Amino acid sequence: MGEELKLLGAWGSSFSRRVEIVLKIKGVEYEYLEEDVFQNKSDLLLQYNPVHKKVPVLVHNGKPIAESLVILEYIDETWKDNPILPRDPYERAMARFWAKFLDEKCRPALWKSYTSVGPEREKAHEEAQELLSTLEGELEGKKFFGGETVGFLDIEANFVGYWAGVLQEAVGVDVLTEEKFPVLCKWAEGFQNCPVIRENLPPRDRLVAFFKTKREMMTSFYKN
C-alpha cells in the first residue's frame, strides 16, 4: 500500500510496548524512533504531540495519533486482520470499561504503592490490593481477559502483567503475590510466555536497574 508508519516510543514504557505488541500481532511494518523522554525530547515528538509531549505517538502517512489506547483502537480499525477488540458491541464496550479501570485506577494505585515512602505506603498498599481483588474477580475462570487468546484488554493490562513484578523486585515491596492473587499471577505468567508478548518486552534486568535508580533518587529526596 506504500504506507508510511512511524512509532515514537521509549524502551521502558509500558504504553509504548502496548503499541509495538499490537503492530506485531497485526504484522504491520513500521519504523521505530526511540525518544529520550526524561532528558531530551525530540522536536519531532513535540511537533506530533504538542498537547501531552509524551510517547507513544503513531504517525501514519504523516498524521499523528497520540495516547496508547487511542492508538490501539486506531490500529485495530485500520488493519482488520488479527483483531484485538471483540466484534460484539457489548463485549467491546466491556473491554473499554475495564481498560479505563486499569489505566485510571489500577495503574496509578500500583505505582503509588511501589513508590510511596513513609506513612503513605501502607494506605497505598491497601488501595492497590483492593483494586487488584476486583481485577482478580473479573479474570476468574478465564485464561486471558480476551478468552483463549491475548486480546485488547490483556495488552492494555501489560503493566500488571510484567512491570508490576519488575517494580516489586526493584523496590522490595510485595503487592501482587501468588498467595493473594493466584488468578492474576497465573494470567501474568501465561501473558509473558506468549511469543509475541515475550519478544516485545523490555529486558527485565535493565528495567530493574532503571527502577532501582529512580527509587534511590526518591528515597534520597524524602530523607533530605
N, C-alpha and C. Protein backbone atom coordinates (compact mmCIF):
# COMPACT_ATOMS: atom_id res chain seq x y z
N MET A 1 0.81 -1.22 0.00
CA MET A 1 0.00 0.00 0.00
C MET A 1 0.85 1.27 0.00
N GLY A 2 2.15 1.11 0.16
CA GLY A 2 3.02 2.27 0.15
C GLY A 2 2.81 3.19 1.33
N GLU A 3 2.39 2.62 2.47
CA GLU A 3 2.10 3.43 3.64
C GLU A 3 3.37 3.72 4.44
N GLU A 4 3.37 4.87 5.08
CA GLU A 4 4.48 5.25 5.95
C GLU A 4 3.99 5.20 7.39
N LEU A 5 4.65 4.41 8.20
CA LEU A 5 4.23 4.25 9.58
C LEU A 5 5.44 4.38 10.50
N LYS A 6 5.35 5.31 11.43
CA LYS A 6 6.42 5.52 12.40
C LYS A 6 5.84 5.45 13.81
N LEU A 7 6.64 4.93 14.73
CA LEU A 7 6.25 4.88 16.13
C LEU A 7 7.32 5.57 16.96
N LEU A 8 6.93 6.62 17.65
CA LEU A 8 7.81 7.30 18.60
C LEU A 8 7.54 6.69 19.97
N GLY A 9 8.56 6.08 20.55
CA GLY A 9 8.36 5.40 21.82
C GLY A 9 9.56 5.48 22.72
N ALA A 10 9.49 4.76 23.84
CA ALA A 10 10.59 4.69 24.80
C ALA A 10 10.72 3.24 25.24
N TRP A 11 11.94 2.76 25.34
CA TRP A 11 12.19 1.32 25.53
C TRP A 11 11.50 0.76 26.78
N GLY A 12 11.45 1.53 27.87
CA GLY A 12 10.91 1.01 29.12
C GLY A 12 9.46 1.36 29.38
N SER A 13 8.81 2.00 28.42
CA SER A 13 7.43 2.46 28.61
C SER A 13 6.43 1.35 28.31
N SER A 14 5.60 1.03 29.27
CA SER A 14 4.57 0.02 29.03
C SER A 14 3.56 0.53 28.00
N PHE A 15 3.37 1.84 27.94
CA PHE A 15 2.45 2.42 26.95
C PHE A 15 2.97 2.20 25.54
N SER A 16 4.26 2.45 25.34
CA SER A 16 4.87 2.24 24.02
C SER A 16 4.85 0.77 23.63
N ARG A 17 5.13 -0.08 24.61
CA ARG A 17 5.19 -1.52 24.32
C ARG A 17 3.83 -2.08 23.93
N ARG A 18 2.77 -1.50 24.45
CA ARG A 18 1.43 -1.91 24.03
C ARG A 18 1.30 -1.78 22.51
N VAL A 19 1.71 -0.64 22.01
CA VAL A 19 1.57 -0.36 20.58
C VAL A 19 2.45 -1.29 19.76
N GLU A 20 3.68 -1.51 20.22
CA GLU A 20 4.58 -2.42 19.50
C GLU A 20 3.99 -3.83 19.41
N ILE A 21 3.42 -4.29 20.51
CA ILE A 21 2.84 -5.63 20.53
C ILE A 21 1.71 -5.75 19.51
N VAL A 22 0.84 -4.76 19.48
CA VAL A 22 -0.30 -4.82 18.55
C VAL A 22 0.16 -4.73 17.10
N LEU A 23 1.14 -3.91 16.82
CA LEU A 23 1.67 -3.83 15.46
C LEU A 23 2.27 -5.17 15.03
N LYS A 24 2.92 -5.86 15.98
CA LYS A 24 3.49 -7.17 15.66
C LYS A 24 2.38 -8.20 15.44
N ILE A 25 1.34 -8.15 16.27
CA ILE A 25 0.21 -9.06 16.10
C ILE A 25 -0.43 -8.87 14.71
N LYS A 26 -0.50 -7.62 14.30
CA LYS A 26 -1.12 -7.29 13.01
C LYS A 26 -0.19 -7.58 11.83
N GLY A 27 1.10 -7.75 12.12
CA GLY A 27 2.06 -7.97 11.03
C GLY A 27 2.32 -6.74 10.20
N VAL A 28 2.21 -5.58 10.83
CA VAL A 28 2.39 -4.31 10.13
C VAL A 28 3.83 -3.82 10.29
N GLU A 29 4.46 -3.45 9.20
CA GLU A 29 5.82 -2.93 9.26
C GLU A 29 5.80 -1.45 9.65
N TYR A 30 6.79 -1.06 10.45
CA TYR A 30 6.86 0.32 10.91
C TYR A 30 8.30 0.69 11.24
N GLU A 31 8.54 1.98 11.31
CA GLU A 31 9.85 2.48 11.73
C GLU A 31 9.75 2.92 13.18
N TYR A 32 10.66 2.44 14.01
CA TYR A 32 10.65 2.79 15.44
C TYR A 32 11.67 3.88 15.72
N LEU A 33 11.23 4.92 16.43
CA LEU A 33 12.11 6.03 16.80
C LEU A 33 12.13 6.14 18.32
N GLU A 34 13.28 5.86 18.93
CA GLU A 34 13.43 5.91 20.38
C GLU A 34 13.52 7.35 20.86
N GLU A 35 12.75 7.67 21.91
CA GLU A 35 12.73 9.00 22.48
C GLU A 35 13.37 9.01 23.87
N ASP A 36 14.13 10.04 24.15
CA ASP A 36 14.66 10.26 25.50
C ASP A 36 13.67 11.16 26.23
N VAL A 37 12.68 10.53 26.84
CA VAL A 37 11.56 11.30 27.40
C VAL A 37 11.91 12.04 28.70
N PHE A 38 13.03 11.67 29.33
CA PHE A 38 13.40 12.31 30.59
C PHE A 38 14.37 13.47 30.41
N GLN A 39 15.24 13.36 29.43
CA GLN A 39 16.30 14.35 29.30
C GLN A 39 16.22 15.22 28.03
N ASN A 40 15.76 14.62 26.94
CA ASN A 40 15.89 15.34 25.67
C ASN A 40 14.80 14.93 24.68
N LYS A 41 13.60 15.45 24.86
CA LYS A 41 12.51 15.14 23.95
C LYS A 41 12.81 15.76 22.58
N SER A 42 12.57 14.98 21.55
CA SER A 42 12.91 15.44 20.21
C SER A 42 11.92 16.48 19.70
N ASP A 43 12.38 17.25 18.72
CA ASP A 43 11.49 18.22 18.07
C ASP A 43 10.32 17.50 17.41
N LEU A 44 10.59 16.28 16.94
CA LEU A 44 9.55 15.51 16.27
C LEU A 44 8.43 15.15 17.25
N LEU A 45 8.80 14.74 18.46
CA LEU A 45 7.81 14.41 19.47
C LEU A 45 6.98 15.63 19.84
N LEU A 46 7.65 16.76 20.03
CA LEU A 46 6.96 17.99 20.41
C LEU A 46 6.05 18.48 19.28
N GLN A 47 6.46 18.21 18.06
CA GLN A 47 5.65 18.58 16.90
C GLN A 47 4.40 17.71 16.79
N TYR A 48 4.59 16.40 16.98
CA TYR A 48 3.48 15.48 16.77
C TYR A 48 2.57 15.32 17.98
N ASN A 49 3.06 15.62 19.17
CA ASN A 49 2.22 15.55 20.37
C ASN A 49 2.44 16.79 21.23
N PRO A 50 2.03 17.96 20.72
CA PRO A 50 2.26 19.21 21.46
C PRO A 50 1.41 19.34 22.72
N VAL A 51 0.34 18.56 22.81
CA VAL A 51 -0.56 18.67 23.97
C VAL A 51 0.06 18.00 25.20
N HIS A 52 0.43 16.72 25.08
CA HIS A 52 0.95 15.96 26.22
C HIS A 52 2.47 15.81 26.21
N LYS A 53 3.06 15.94 25.02
CA LYS A 53 4.53 15.81 24.89
C LYS A 53 5.03 14.47 25.43
N LYS A 54 4.26 13.41 25.18
CA LYS A 54 4.59 12.09 25.71
C LYS A 54 4.56 11.06 24.59
N VAL A 55 5.21 9.92 24.87
CA VAL A 55 5.12 8.76 23.99
C VAL A 55 4.03 7.84 24.55
N PRO A 56 3.47 6.99 23.69
CA PRO A 56 3.80 6.79 22.28
C PRO A 56 3.03 7.74 21.37
N VAL A 57 3.59 7.93 20.18
CA VAL A 57 2.89 8.61 19.11
C VAL A 57 3.06 7.76 17.85
N LEU A 58 1.96 7.44 17.23
CA LEU A 58 1.98 6.72 15.96
C LEU A 58 1.74 7.72 14.84
N VAL A 59 2.61 7.71 13.84
CA VAL A 59 2.48 8.63 12.72
C VAL A 59 2.19 7.81 11.47
N HIS A 60 0.99 7.94 10.97
CA HIS A 60 0.53 7.17 9.81
C HIS A 60 0.34 8.10 8.62
N ASN A 61 1.21 7.94 7.64
CA ASN A 61 1.18 8.81 6.45
C ASN A 61 1.18 10.28 6.84
N GLY A 62 2.02 10.61 7.81
CA GLY A 62 2.19 12.00 8.23
C GLY A 62 1.19 12.49 9.25
N LYS A 63 0.20 11.66 9.60
CA LYS A 63 -0.82 12.07 10.56
C LYS A 63 -0.56 11.43 11.92
N PRO A 64 -0.37 12.23 12.98
CA PRO A 64 -0.04 11.68 14.29
C PRO A 64 -1.27 11.27 15.10
N ILE A 65 -1.14 10.16 15.82
CA ILE A 65 -2.16 9.71 16.77
C ILE A 65 -1.44 9.50 18.10
N ALA A 66 -1.94 10.13 19.15
CA ALA A 66 -1.33 10.02 20.47
C ALA A 66 -2.25 9.26 21.43
N GLU A 67 -1.67 8.86 22.57
CA GLU A 67 -2.35 8.12 23.64
C GLU A 67 -2.50 6.65 23.23
N SER A 68 -1.92 5.77 24.04
CA SER A 68 -1.80 4.37 23.65
C SER A 68 -3.13 3.68 23.37
N LEU A 69 -4.16 3.91 24.20
CA LEU A 69 -5.43 3.23 23.97
C LEU A 69 -6.10 3.72 22.68
N VAL A 70 -5.97 5.00 22.41
CA VAL A 70 -6.49 5.56 21.16
C VAL A 70 -5.76 4.92 19.98
N ILE A 71 -4.44 4.78 20.12
CA ILE A 71 -3.62 4.19 19.06
C ILE A 71 -4.01 2.73 18.83
N LEU A 72 -4.22 1.97 19.90
CA LEU A 72 -4.57 0.56 19.75
C LEU A 72 -5.88 0.40 18.97
N GLU A 73 -6.86 1.23 19.29
CA GLU A 73 -8.13 1.14 18.58
C GLU A 73 -7.97 1.57 17.12
N TYR A 74 -7.14 2.58 16.90
CA TYR A 74 -6.90 3.04 15.53
C TYR A 74 -6.26 1.93 14.69
N ILE A 75 -5.28 1.27 15.28
CA ILE A 75 -4.61 0.17 14.56
C ILE A 75 -5.61 -0.94 14.25
N ASP A 76 -6.45 -1.27 15.23
CA ASP A 76 -7.40 -2.37 15.05
C ASP A 76 -8.43 -2.05 13.97
N GLU A 77 -8.80 -0.78 13.87
CA GLU A 77 -9.77 -0.37 12.86
C GLU A 77 -9.14 -0.22 11.48
N THR A 78 -7.85 0.09 11.45
CA THR A 78 -7.18 0.33 10.17
C THR A 78 -6.70 -0.96 9.52
N TRP A 79 -6.16 -1.86 10.33
CA TRP A 79 -5.68 -3.15 9.83
C TRP A 79 -6.57 -4.24 10.43
N LYS A 80 -7.43 -4.80 9.61
CA LYS A 80 -8.52 -5.65 10.09
C LYS A 80 -8.07 -7.05 10.49
N ASP A 81 -6.96 -7.55 9.95
CA ASP A 81 -6.52 -8.90 10.27
C ASP A 81 -6.14 -9.02 11.75
N ASN A 82 -6.35 -10.21 12.31
CA ASN A 82 -6.00 -10.48 13.71
C ASN A 82 -6.57 -9.43 14.66
N PRO A 83 -7.88 -9.29 14.70
CA PRO A 83 -8.49 -8.27 15.57
C PRO A 83 -8.16 -8.50 17.04
N ILE A 84 -7.99 -7.40 17.76
CA ILE A 84 -7.70 -7.48 19.19
C ILE A 84 -8.91 -7.13 20.04
N LEU A 85 -9.81 -6.30 19.52
CA LEU A 85 -11.04 -5.96 20.23
C LEU A 85 -12.15 -6.93 19.84
N PRO A 86 -13.02 -7.27 20.78
CA PRO A 86 -14.16 -8.13 20.44
C PRO A 86 -15.02 -7.47 19.36
N ARG A 87 -15.64 -8.27 18.52
CA ARG A 87 -16.53 -7.73 17.49
C ARG A 87 -17.94 -7.49 18.02
N ASP A 88 -18.31 -8.21 19.08
CA ASP A 88 -19.62 -7.99 19.70
C ASP A 88 -19.64 -6.62 20.39
N PRO A 89 -20.62 -5.77 20.11
CA PRO A 89 -20.65 -4.41 20.67
C PRO A 89 -20.61 -4.37 22.20
N TYR A 90 -21.35 -5.27 22.84
CA TYR A 90 -21.35 -5.29 24.31
C TYR A 90 -19.98 -5.69 24.85
N GLU A 91 -19.40 -6.75 24.30
CA GLU A 91 -18.09 -7.20 24.77
C GLU A 91 -17.03 -6.13 24.52
N ARG A 92 -17.16 -5.43 23.40
CA ARG A 92 -16.22 -4.35 23.10
C ARG A 92 -16.36 -3.22 24.11
N ALA A 93 -17.59 -2.89 24.47
CA ALA A 93 -17.84 -1.84 25.48
C ALA A 93 -17.25 -2.25 26.83
N MET A 94 -17.40 -3.53 27.18
CA MET A 94 -16.86 -4.01 28.45
C MET A 94 -15.33 -3.98 28.46
N ALA A 95 -14.73 -4.29 27.33
CA ALA A 95 -13.27 -4.22 27.23
C ALA A 95 -12.79 -2.78 27.46
N ARG A 96 -13.52 -1.83 26.90
CA ARG A 96 -13.16 -0.42 27.09
C ARG A 96 -13.37 0.02 28.54
N PHE A 97 -14.45 -0.49 29.15
CA PHE A 97 -14.72 -0.18 30.55
C PHE A 97 -13.56 -0.63 31.45
N TRP A 98 -13.14 -1.89 31.27
CA TRP A 98 -12.06 -2.41 32.10
C TRP A 98 -10.71 -1.78 31.76
N ALA A 99 -10.56 -1.35 30.52
CA ALA A 99 -9.33 -0.64 30.15
C ALA A 99 -9.23 0.67 30.92
N LYS A 100 -10.34 1.38 31.05
CA LYS A 100 -10.35 2.63 31.83
C LYS A 100 -10.08 2.33 33.30
N PHE A 101 -10.64 1.24 33.80
CA PHE A 101 -10.40 0.84 35.19
C PHE A 101 -8.92 0.58 35.43
N LEU A 102 -8.29 -0.11 34.51
CA LEU A 102 -6.87 -0.42 34.63
C LEU A 102 -6.01 0.84 34.59
N ASP A 103 -6.28 1.70 33.62
CA ASP A 103 -5.43 2.89 33.45
C ASP A 103 -5.70 3.97 34.47
N GLU A 104 -6.96 4.14 34.86
CA GLU A 104 -7.31 5.24 35.74
C GLU A 104 -7.31 4.86 37.22
N LYS A 105 -7.43 3.57 37.51
CA LYS A 105 -7.48 3.11 38.90
C LYS A 105 -6.28 2.24 39.28
N CYS A 106 -6.15 1.08 38.59
CA CYS A 106 -5.13 0.10 38.98
C CYS A 106 -3.71 0.60 38.81
N ARG A 107 -3.42 1.09 37.65
CA ARG A 107 -2.05 1.50 37.37
C ARG A 107 -1.56 2.59 38.34
N PRO A 108 -2.30 3.70 38.53
CA PRO A 108 -1.83 4.73 39.48
C PRO A 108 -1.69 4.19 40.90
N ALA A 109 -2.63 3.33 41.31
CA ALA A 109 -2.57 2.79 42.67
C ALA A 109 -1.36 1.88 42.86
N LEU A 110 -1.09 1.04 41.87
CA LEU A 110 0.08 0.18 41.94
C LEU A 110 1.36 1.01 41.97
N TRP A 111 1.43 1.98 41.10
CA TRP A 111 2.63 2.82 41.05
C TRP A 111 2.87 3.52 42.38
N LYS A 112 1.79 4.05 42.96
CA LYS A 112 1.91 4.73 44.25
C LYS A 112 2.32 3.75 45.34
N SER A 113 1.79 2.55 45.28
CA SER A 113 2.12 1.53 46.28
C SER A 113 3.60 1.17 46.24
N TYR A 114 4.16 1.12 45.05
CA TYR A 114 5.57 0.75 44.90
C TYR A 114 6.52 1.91 45.20
N THR A 115 6.06 3.14 44.99
CA THR A 115 6.97 4.27 45.10
C THR A 115 6.78 5.12 46.35
N SER A 116 5.69 4.91 47.08
CA SER A 116 5.45 5.70 48.29
C SER A 116 6.45 5.35 49.38
N VAL A 117 6.73 6.32 50.20
CA VAL A 117 7.59 6.11 51.37
C VAL A 117 6.89 6.69 52.58
N GLY A 118 7.32 6.23 53.74
CA GLY A 118 6.75 6.76 54.97
C GLY A 118 5.33 6.30 55.20
N PRO A 119 4.51 7.12 55.86
CA PRO A 119 3.15 6.71 56.25
C PRO A 119 2.21 6.49 55.07
N GLU A 120 2.53 7.03 53.91
CA GLU A 120 1.66 6.87 52.75
C GLU A 120 1.68 5.44 52.20
N ARG A 121 2.76 4.72 52.47
CA ARG A 121 2.94 3.41 51.85
C ARG A 121 1.83 2.43 52.21
N GLU A 122 1.49 2.33 53.50
CA GLU A 122 0.50 1.34 53.94
C GLU A 122 -0.86 1.62 53.32
N LYS A 123 -1.26 2.88 53.27
CA LYS A 123 -2.54 3.25 52.67
C LYS A 123 -2.56 2.93 51.18
N ALA A 124 -1.46 3.24 50.52
CA ALA A 124 -1.35 2.97 49.08
C ALA A 124 -1.38 1.47 48.81
N HIS A 125 -0.73 0.72 49.68
CA HIS A 125 -0.68 -0.74 49.56
C HIS A 125 -2.09 -1.34 49.65
N GLU A 126 -2.86 -0.87 50.62
CA GLU A 126 -4.22 -1.38 50.81
C GLU A 126 -5.10 -1.04 49.62
N GLU A 127 -4.99 0.16 49.11
CA GLU A 127 -5.80 0.58 47.97
C GLU A 127 -5.47 -0.26 46.73
N ALA A 128 -4.20 -0.49 46.52
CA ALA A 128 -3.78 -1.28 45.36
C ALA A 128 -4.32 -2.71 45.45
N GLN A 129 -4.25 -3.30 46.63
CA GLN A 129 -4.71 -4.68 46.79
C GLN A 129 -6.23 -4.79 46.63
N GLU A 130 -6.94 -3.79 47.05
CA GLU A 130 -8.39 -3.79 46.87
C GLU A 130 -8.75 -3.77 45.38
N LEU A 131 -8.06 -2.96 44.61
CA LEU A 131 -8.30 -2.86 43.18
C LEU A 131 -7.88 -4.14 42.45
N LEU A 132 -6.78 -4.73 42.89
CA LEU A 132 -6.34 -5.99 42.30
C LEU A 132 -7.34 -7.10 42.57
N SER A 133 -7.99 -7.07 43.72
CA SER A 133 -9.02 -8.06 44.04
C SER A 133 -10.19 -7.97 43.06
N THR A 134 -10.55 -6.74 42.72
CA THR A 134 -11.61 -6.53 41.73
C THR A 134 -11.20 -7.10 40.37
N LEU A 135 -9.95 -6.85 40.00
CA LEU A 135 -9.44 -7.35 38.73
C LEU A 135 -9.35 -8.88 38.73
N GLU A 136 -8.97 -9.44 39.86
CA GLU A 136 -8.89 -10.90 40.01
C GLU A 136 -10.27 -11.53 39.77
N GLY A 137 -11.30 -10.89 40.28
CA GLY A 137 -12.65 -11.38 40.10
C GLY A 137 -13.09 -11.36 38.65
N GLU A 138 -12.69 -10.33 37.92
CA GLU A 138 -13.05 -10.22 36.51
C GLU A 138 -12.36 -11.30 35.67
N LEU A 139 -11.19 -11.71 36.09
CA LEU A 139 -10.41 -12.69 35.33
C LEU A 139 -10.75 -14.13 35.70
N GLU A 140 -11.44 -14.33 36.80
CA GLU A 140 -11.77 -15.67 37.31
C GLU A 140 -12.40 -16.54 36.21
N GLY A 141 -11.84 -17.75 36.03
CA GLY A 141 -12.38 -18.69 35.06
C GLY A 141 -11.93 -18.47 33.63
N LYS A 142 -11.03 -17.52 33.42
CA LYS A 142 -10.56 -17.23 32.06
C LYS A 142 -9.05 -17.46 31.97
N LYS A 143 -8.61 -17.83 30.78
CA LYS A 143 -7.17 -17.94 30.54
C LYS A 143 -6.57 -16.56 30.34
N PHE A 144 -7.23 -15.75 29.52
CA PHE A 144 -6.86 -14.35 29.29
C PHE A 144 -8.12 -13.51 29.42
N PHE A 145 -7.93 -12.21 29.56
CA PHE A 145 -9.10 -11.33 29.63
C PHE A 145 -9.93 -11.46 28.36
N GLY A 146 -9.23 -11.70 27.24
CA GLY A 146 -9.92 -11.81 25.96
C GLY A 146 -10.44 -13.20 25.66
N GLY A 147 -10.31 -14.14 26.59
CA GLY A 147 -10.77 -15.51 26.37
C GLY A 147 -9.60 -16.47 26.29
N GLU A 148 -9.48 -17.17 25.16
CA GLU A 148 -8.42 -18.17 25.00
C GLU A 148 -7.15 -17.59 24.38
N THR A 149 -7.23 -16.40 23.86
CA THR A 149 -6.06 -15.76 23.25
C THR A 149 -5.89 -14.35 23.79
N VAL A 150 -4.68 -13.85 23.69
CA VAL A 150 -4.38 -12.48 24.13
C VAL A 150 -5.15 -11.48 23.27
N GLY A 151 -5.81 -10.55 23.92
CA GLY A 151 -6.57 -9.53 23.21
C GLY A 151 -6.29 -8.13 23.73
N PHE A 152 -7.15 -7.22 23.38
CA PHE A 152 -7.01 -5.80 23.71
C PHE A 152 -6.76 -5.57 25.20
N LEU A 153 -7.60 -6.18 26.04
CA LEU A 153 -7.51 -5.92 27.47
C LEU A 153 -6.25 -6.52 28.09
N ASP A 154 -5.82 -7.67 27.60
CA ASP A 154 -4.57 -8.26 28.09
C ASP A 154 -3.39 -7.34 27.79
N ILE A 155 -3.37 -6.83 26.57
CA ILE A 155 -2.28 -5.94 26.16
C ILE A 155 -2.33 -4.65 26.96
N GLU A 156 -3.55 -4.17 27.19
CA GLU A 156 -3.72 -2.95 27.97
C GLU A 156 -3.24 -3.15 29.41
N ALA A 157 -3.38 -4.38 29.90
CA ALA A 157 -3.00 -4.70 31.29
C ALA A 157 -1.54 -5.09 31.41
N ASN A 158 -0.72 -4.76 30.44
CA ASN A 158 0.68 -5.20 30.45
C ASN A 158 1.45 -4.69 31.67
N PHE A 159 1.04 -3.55 32.22
CA PHE A 159 1.72 -3.04 33.42
C PHE A 159 1.56 -4.02 34.58
N VAL A 160 0.35 -4.54 34.73
CA VAL A 160 0.08 -5.54 35.77
C VAL A 160 0.79 -6.84 35.44
N GLY A 161 0.79 -7.19 34.16
CA GLY A 161 1.33 -8.48 33.74
C GLY A 161 2.84 -8.59 33.73
N TYR A 162 3.55 -7.45 33.71
CA TYR A 162 5.02 -7.51 33.64
C TYR A 162 5.69 -6.45 34.50
N TRP A 163 5.33 -5.20 34.31
CA TRP A 163 6.02 -4.11 35.01
C TRP A 163 5.84 -4.18 36.52
N ALA A 164 4.68 -4.65 36.98
CA ALA A 164 4.45 -4.73 38.42
C ALA A 164 5.47 -5.66 39.08
N GLY A 165 5.72 -6.81 38.47
CA GLY A 165 6.71 -7.74 39.02
C GLY A 165 8.11 -7.18 39.02
N VAL A 166 8.43 -6.44 37.99
CA VAL A 166 9.75 -5.80 37.91
C VAL A 166 9.90 -4.76 39.01
N LEU A 167 8.86 -3.96 39.20
CA LEU A 167 8.90 -2.94 40.25
C LEU A 167 9.03 -3.57 41.64
N GLN A 168 8.33 -4.69 41.84
CA GLN A 168 8.42 -5.36 43.14
C GLN A 168 9.85 -5.80 43.42
N GLU A 169 10.50 -6.32 42.40
CA GLU A 169 11.89 -6.74 42.57
C GLU A 169 12.81 -5.54 42.82
N ALA A 170 12.53 -4.46 42.14
CA ALA A 170 13.40 -3.28 42.23
C ALA A 170 13.29 -2.57 43.57
N VAL A 171 12.09 -2.49 44.12
CA VAL A 171 11.89 -1.70 45.34
C VAL A 171 11.69 -2.55 46.58
N GLY A 172 11.54 -3.87 46.40
CA GLY A 172 11.41 -4.75 47.56
C GLY A 172 10.07 -4.65 48.27
N VAL A 173 9.01 -4.36 47.51
CA VAL A 173 7.67 -4.27 48.08
C VAL A 173 6.77 -5.26 47.36
N ASP A 174 6.13 -6.16 48.11
CA ASP A 174 5.26 -7.17 47.51
C ASP A 174 3.81 -6.74 47.60
N VAL A 175 3.20 -6.55 46.46
CA VAL A 175 1.78 -6.19 46.38
C VAL A 175 1.02 -7.27 45.63
N LEU A 176 1.52 -7.62 44.46
CA LEU A 176 0.90 -8.64 43.62
C LEU A 176 1.62 -9.96 43.85
N THR A 177 1.08 -10.80 44.73
CA THR A 177 1.72 -12.07 45.07
C THR A 177 0.80 -13.23 44.70
N GLU A 178 1.42 -14.39 44.48
CA GLU A 178 0.66 -15.58 44.10
C GLU A 178 -0.25 -16.04 45.23
N GLU A 179 0.17 -15.82 46.46
CA GLU A 179 -0.63 -16.22 47.61
C GLU A 179 -1.95 -15.46 47.66
N LYS A 180 -1.90 -14.16 47.38
CA LYS A 180 -3.10 -13.33 47.48
C LYS A 180 -3.88 -13.25 46.17
N PHE A 181 -3.16 -13.35 45.06
CA PHE A 181 -3.80 -13.19 43.75
C PHE A 181 -3.36 -14.29 42.79
N PRO A 182 -3.77 -15.53 43.07
CA PRO A 182 -3.32 -16.66 42.24
C PRO A 182 -3.79 -16.57 40.79
N VAL A 183 -4.98 -16.06 40.57
CA VAL A 183 -5.53 -15.98 39.21
C VAL A 183 -4.75 -14.95 38.39
N LEU A 184 -4.51 -13.80 38.96
CA LEU A 184 -3.76 -12.76 38.26
C LEU A 184 -2.32 -13.20 37.99
N CYS A 185 -1.71 -13.87 38.94
CA CYS A 185 -0.33 -14.30 38.76
C CYS A 185 -0.22 -15.39 37.69
N LYS A 186 -1.21 -16.28 37.64
CA LYS A 186 -1.21 -17.31 36.59
C LYS A 186 -1.41 -16.66 35.23
N TRP A 187 -2.31 -15.68 35.18
CA TRP A 187 -2.51 -14.94 33.93
C TRP A 187 -1.22 -14.24 33.50
N ALA A 188 -0.54 -13.58 34.43
CA ALA A 188 0.69 -12.85 34.11
C ALA A 188 1.75 -13.78 33.53
N GLU A 189 1.85 -14.98 34.10
CA GLU A 189 2.81 -15.96 33.60
C GLU A 189 2.46 -16.37 32.17
N GLY A 190 1.18 -16.64 31.93
CA GLY A 190 0.75 -17.01 30.59
C GLY A 190 0.92 -15.87 29.60
N PHE A 191 0.66 -14.66 30.06
CA PHE A 191 0.82 -13.46 29.23
C PHE A 191 2.27 -13.31 28.79
N GLN A 192 3.18 -13.40 29.74
CA GLN A 192 4.61 -13.23 29.42
C GLN A 192 5.14 -14.35 28.53
N ASN A 193 4.53 -15.52 28.60
CA ASN A 193 5.02 -16.66 27.83
C ASN A 193 4.50 -16.70 26.39
N CYS A 194 3.54 -15.84 26.08
CA CYS A 194 3.09 -15.74 24.68
C CYS A 194 4.24 -15.19 23.84
N PRO A 195 4.60 -15.85 22.76
CA PRO A 195 5.76 -15.41 21.97
C PRO A 195 5.73 -13.94 21.56
N VAL A 196 4.60 -13.45 21.08
CA VAL A 196 4.54 -12.06 20.62
C VAL A 196 4.69 -11.09 21.78
N ILE A 197 4.30 -11.50 22.98
CA ILE A 197 4.47 -10.66 24.16
C ILE A 197 5.92 -10.73 24.62
N ARG A 198 6.42 -11.96 24.79
CA ARG A 198 7.78 -12.17 25.29
C ARG A 198 8.83 -11.45 24.44
N GLU A 199 8.62 -11.47 23.12
CA GLU A 199 9.59 -10.86 22.21
C GLU A 199 9.53 -9.33 22.20
N ASN A 200 8.51 -8.76 22.83
CA ASN A 200 8.35 -7.31 22.79
C ASN A 200 8.24 -6.69 24.18
N LEU A 201 8.88 -7.35 25.15
CA LEU A 201 9.01 -6.80 26.50
C LEU A 201 10.43 -6.28 26.69
N PRO A 202 10.61 -5.22 27.45
CA PRO A 202 11.97 -4.73 27.70
C PRO A 202 12.75 -5.72 28.56
N PRO A 203 14.07 -5.78 28.43
CA PRO A 203 14.89 -6.69 29.25
C PRO A 203 14.64 -6.45 30.74
N ARG A 204 14.35 -7.53 31.45
CA ARG A 204 14.00 -7.40 32.86
C ARG A 204 15.13 -6.78 33.68
N ASP A 205 16.36 -7.24 33.48
CA ASP A 205 17.47 -6.74 34.29
C ASP A 205 17.70 -5.25 34.07
N ARG A 206 17.55 -4.81 32.84
CA ARG A 206 17.72 -3.37 32.55
C ARG A 206 16.61 -2.55 33.20
N LEU A 207 15.40 -3.09 33.17
CA LEU A 207 14.26 -2.37 33.75
C LEU A 207 14.37 -2.33 35.28
N VAL A 208 14.81 -3.43 35.88
CA VAL A 208 15.02 -3.45 37.33
C VAL A 208 16.05 -2.40 37.73
N ALA A 209 17.16 -2.35 37.01
CA ALA A 209 18.21 -1.37 37.31
C ALA A 209 17.69 0.05 37.18
N PHE A 210 16.87 0.29 36.17
CA PHE A 210 16.30 1.62 35.95
C PHE A 210 15.43 2.02 37.13
N PHE A 211 14.54 1.13 37.57
CA PHE A 211 13.63 1.46 38.67
C PHE A 211 14.36 1.56 40.01
N LYS A 212 15.42 0.78 40.17
CA LYS A 212 16.21 0.90 41.41
C LYS A 212 16.83 2.28 41.52
N THR A 213 17.33 2.79 40.40
CA THR A 213 17.92 4.12 40.38
C THR A 213 16.88 5.17 40.73
N LYS A 214 15.71 5.05 40.14
CA LYS A 214 14.63 6.01 40.43
C LYS A 214 14.21 5.93 41.88
N ARG A 215 14.16 4.72 42.42
CA ARG A 215 13.77 4.52 43.81
C ARG A 215 14.78 5.19 44.75
N GLU A 216 16.05 5.01 44.47
CA GLU A 216 17.09 5.61 45.30
C GLU A 216 17.02 7.14 45.27
N MET A 217 16.70 7.69 44.11
CA MET A 217 16.56 9.14 43.98
C MET A 217 15.40 9.64 44.84
N MET A 218 14.28 8.91 44.80
CA MET A 218 13.10 9.32 45.60
C MET A 218 13.37 9.20 47.08
N THR A 219 14.01 8.10 47.49
CA THR A 219 14.30 7.88 48.91
C THR A 219 15.23 8.98 49.42
N SER A 220 16.22 9.32 48.62
CA SER A 220 17.16 10.38 48.98
C SER A 220 16.43 11.72 49.13
N PHE A 221 15.48 11.98 48.25
CA PHE A 221 14.72 13.23 48.28
C PHE A 221 13.94 13.35 49.59
N TYR A 222 13.29 12.26 50.01
CA TYR A 222 12.46 12.30 51.21
C TYR A 222 13.32 12.37 52.47
N LYS A 223 14.55 11.92 52.38
CA LYS A 223 15.43 11.97 53.56
C LYS A 223 16.01 13.35 53.78
N ASN A 224 16.10 14.12 52.73
CA ASN A 224 16.74 15.45 52.81
C ASN A 224 15.75 16.52 53.28
